[in-house]
Amino acid sequence: MRKVRVEVYPWLTDRLQPRQPGCAAWEEELADGGTLKDLLRQLQARNPAFTEAVYDADAAQIRGHVVVIVNDCIMHTETNLDMPLSEGDCITFLPSASGG
């Protein structure tokens, strides 16, 4: 097993953990060889709101209003969901910004 750090920023936090305002961070355990997709499925299995807010499992893609950052590097989630995660990696879910 390996541990990765998961960080979620508002407004996503508000939708995933309604009673906990602000940012949330915790450690997740993944099987050795676990990928970003495995982490997404694990989070989805524990919290069905994750499907609506972050990850569309049927389409196997991150929702368009979410940016995924792994170790300070923005992921192109259409191609990187099978990327293996390592012990100590930090995965951040951030609402994408818009405006002008």
C-alpha atoms as a PDB file:
ATOM      1  CA  MET A   1       0.000   0.000   0.000  1.00  0.00           C
ATOM      2  CA  ARG A   2       1.073   3.570  -0.607  1.00  0.00           C
ATOM      3  CA  LYS A   3      -0.248   6.840   0.768  1.00  0.00           C
ATOM      4  CA  VAL A   4      -1.018   9.920  -1.293  1.00  0.00           C
ATOM      5  CA  ARG A   5      -2.279  13.289  -0.110  1.00  0.00           C
ATOM      6  CA  VAL A   6      -5.593  14.559  -1.481  1.00  0.00           C
ATOM      7  CA  GLU A   7      -6.454  18.269  -1.370  1.00  0.00           C
ATOM      8  CA  VAL A   8      -9.822  19.705  -2.366  1.00  0.00           C
ATOM      9  CA  TYR A   9     -10.531  23.427  -2.634  1.00  0.00           C
ATOM     10  CA  PRO A  10     -13.842  25.283  -2.347  1.00  0.00           C
ATOM     11  CA  TRP A  11     -16.466  25.209  -3.986  1.00  0.00           C
ATOM     12  CA  LEU A  12     -15.726  21.544  -4.563  1.00  0.00           C
ATOM     13  CA  THR A  13     -15.225  21.042  -0.826  1.00  0.00           C
ATOM     14  CA  ASP A  14     -18.649  22.501  -0.138  1.00  0.00           C
ATOM     15  CA  ARG A  15     -20.241  19.955  -2.478  1.00  0.00           C
ATOM     16  CA  LEU A  16     -18.253  16.965  -1.236  1.00  0.00           C
ATOM     17  CA  GLN A  17     -18.291  17.748   2.483  1.00  0.00           C
ATOM     18  CA  PRO A  18     -21.165  20.201   3.096  1.00  0.00           C
ATOM     19  CA  ARG A  19     -20.481  20.636   6.794  1.00  0.00           C
ATOM     20  CA  GLN A  20     -16.796  21.396   6.355  1.00  0.00           C
ATOM     21  CA  PRO A  21     -16.224  24.846   4.839  1.00  0.00           C
ATOM     22  CA  GLY A  22     -12.936  25.823   3.221  1.00  0.00           C
ATOM     23  CA  CYS A  23     -10.200  23.530   1.990  1.00  0.00           C
ATOM     24  CA  ALA A  24      -9.951  19.871   2.916  1.00  0.00           C
ATOM     25  CA  ALA A  25      -6.899  17.615   2.894  1.00  0.00           C
ATOM     26  CA  TRP A  26      -6.347  14.004   3.903  1.00  0.00           C
ATOM     27  CA  GLU A  27      -4.295  10.923   3.118  1.00  0.00           C
ATOM     28  CA  GLU A  28      -5.609   8.093   0.962  1.00  0.00           C
ATOM     29  CA  GLU A  29      -4.150   4.612   0.750  1.00  0.00           C
ATOM     30  CA  LEU A  30      -3.807   3.051  -2.691  1.00  0.00           C
ATOM     31  CA  ALA A  31      -2.681  -0.410  -3.704  1.00  0.00           C
ATOM     32  CA  ASP A  32       0.844  -0.590  -5.082  1.00  0.00           C
ATOM     33  CA  GLY A  33       0.730   0.377  -8.744  1.00  0.00           C
ATOM     34  CA  GLY A  34      -2.427   2.454  -8.172  1.00  0.00           C
ATOM     35  CA  THR A  35      -3.200   5.091 -10.787  1.00  0.00           C
ATOM     36  CA  LEU A  36      -4.965   8.431 -10.806  1.00  0.00           C
ATOM     37  CA  LYS A  37      -8.026   6.620 -12.178  1.00  0.00           C
ATOM     38  CA  ASP A  38      -7.888   4.156  -9.256  1.00  0.00           C
ATOM     39  CA  LEU A  39      -7.857   7.086  -6.821  1.00  0.00           C
ATOM     40  CA  LEU A  40     -10.814   8.691  -8.582  1.00  0.00           C
ATOM     41  CA  ARG A  41     -12.809   5.450  -8.407  1.00  0.00           C
ATOM     42  CA  GLN A  42     -11.928   5.022  -4.743  1.00  0.00           C
ATOM     43  CA  LEU A  43     -13.093   8.549  -3.891  1.00  0.00           C
ATOM     44  CA  GLN A  44     -16.242   8.034  -5.940  1.00  0.00           C
ATOM     45  CA  ALA A  45     -17.105   4.749  -4.198  1.00  0.00           C
ATOM     46  CA  ARG A  46     -16.918   6.425  -0.804  1.00  0.00           C
ATOM     47  CA  ASN A  47     -18.731   9.624  -1.772  1.00  0.00           C
ATOM     48  CA  PRO A  48     -21.348   9.514  -4.562  1.00  0.00           C
ATOM     49  CA  ALA A  49     -21.326  13.332  -4.767  1.00  0.00           C
ATOM     50  CA  PHE A  50     -17.820  12.992  -6.188  1.00  0.00           C
ATOM     51  CA  THR A  51     -19.402  11.726  -9.428  1.00  0.00           C
ATOM     52  CA  GLU A  52     -21.513  14.845  -9.796  1.00  0.00           C
ATOM     53  CA  ALA A  53     -18.841  17.297  -8.711  1.00  0.00           C
ATOM     54  CA  VAL A  54     -15.567  15.908 -10.035  1.00  0.00           C
ATOM     55  CA  TYR A  55     -15.418  12.607 -11.943  1.00  0.00           C
ATOM     56  CA  ASP A  56     -17.755  11.187 -14.566  1.00  0.00           C
ATOM     57  CA  ALA A  57     -17.027   7.461 -14.313  1.00  0.00           C
ATOM     58  CA  ASP A  58     -19.248   6.538 -17.281  1.00  0.00           C
ATOM     59  CA  ALA A  59     -17.220   8.788 -19.574  1.00  0.00           C
ATOM     60  CA  ALA A  60     -13.996   8.133 -17.595  1.00  0.00           C
ATOM     61  CA  GLN A  61     -13.175  11.825 -17.440  1.00  0.00           C
ATOM     62  CA  ILE A  62     -12.799  14.704 -15.044  1.00  0.00           C
ATOM     63  CA  ARG A  63     -15.631  17.231 -15.228  1.00  0.00           C
ATOM     64  CA  GLY A  64     -14.763  20.321 -17.288  1.00  0.00           C
ATOM     65  CA  HIS A  65     -14.995  22.685 -14.327  1.00  0.00           C
ATOM     66  CA  VAL A  66     -12.260  20.864 -12.359  1.00  0.00           C
ATOM     67  CA  VAL A  67      -8.474  21.086 -12.658  1.00  0.00           C
ATOM     68  CA  VAL A  68      -6.389  18.191 -11.333  1.00  0.00           C
ATOM     69  CA  ILE A  69      -2.872  18.956 -10.137  1.00  0.00           C
ATOM     70  CA  VAL A  70      -0.386  16.227  -9.244  1.00  0.00           C
ATOM     71  CA  ASN A  71       2.706  17.429  -7.404  1.00  0.00           C
ATOM     72  CA  ASP A  72       2.297  21.022  -8.662  1.00  0.00           C
ATOM     73  CA  CYS A  73       1.854  19.909 -12.297  1.00  0.00           C
ATOM     74  CA  ILE A  74      -1.498  20.438 -14.045  1.00  0.00           C
ATOM     75  CA  MET A  75      -2.676  17.163 -15.533  1.00  0.00           C
ATOM     76  CA  HIS A  76      -4.190  16.745 -18.973  1.00  0.00           C
ATOM     77  CA  THR A  77      -6.799  14.407 -17.597  1.00  0.00           C
ATOM     78  CA  GLU A  78      -7.935  13.117 -20.983  1.00  0.00           C
ATOM     79  CA  THR A  79      -4.602  11.322 -21.337  1.00  0.00           C
ATOM     80  CA  ASN A  80      -3.178  10.991 -17.823  1.00  0.00           C
ATOM     81  CA  LEU A  81      -5.802   9.065 -15.863  1.00  0.00           C
ATOM     82  CA  ASP A  82      -3.690   5.903 -16.103  1.00  0.00           C
ATOM     83  CA  MET A  83      -0.663   7.663 -14.612  1.00  0.00           C
ATOM     84  CA  PRO A  84       0.693   5.654 -11.652  1.00  0.00           C
ATOM     85  CA  LEU A  85       0.808   7.465  -8.331  1.00  0.00           C
ATOM     86  CA  SER A  86       3.755   7.165  -5.967  1.00  0.00           C
ATOM     87  CA  GLU A  87       4.076   7.268  -2.200  1.00  0.00           C
ATOM     88  CA  GLY A  88       3.774  10.876  -1.018  1.00  0.00           C
ATOM     89  CA  ASP A  89       2.251  12.292  -4.214  1.00  0.00           C
ATOM     90  CA  CYS A  90      -0.098  15.241  -3.691  1.00  0.00           C
ATOM     91  CA  ILE A  91      -3.286  15.287  -5.796  1.00  0.00           C
ATOM     92  CA  THR A  92      -5.218  18.547  -5.765  1.00  0.00           C
ATOM     93  CA  PHE A  93      -8.742  19.079  -7.093  1.00  0.00           C
ATOM     94  CA  LEU A  94      -9.277  22.739  -7.880  1.00  0.00           C
ATOM     95  CA  PRO A  95     -12.287  24.443  -9.435  1.00  0.00           C
ATOM     96  CA  SER A  96     -11.253  25.997 -12.729  1.00  0.00           C
ATOM     97  CA  ALA A  97     -11.354  29.767 -12.882  1.00  0.00           C
ATOM     98  CA  SER A  98     -13.236  31.760 -15.447  1.00  0.00           C
ATOM     99  CA  GLY A  99     -14.050  35.343 -16.053  1.00  0.00           C
ATOM    100  CA  GLY A 100     -12.541  38.302 -17.715  1.00  0.00           C
END
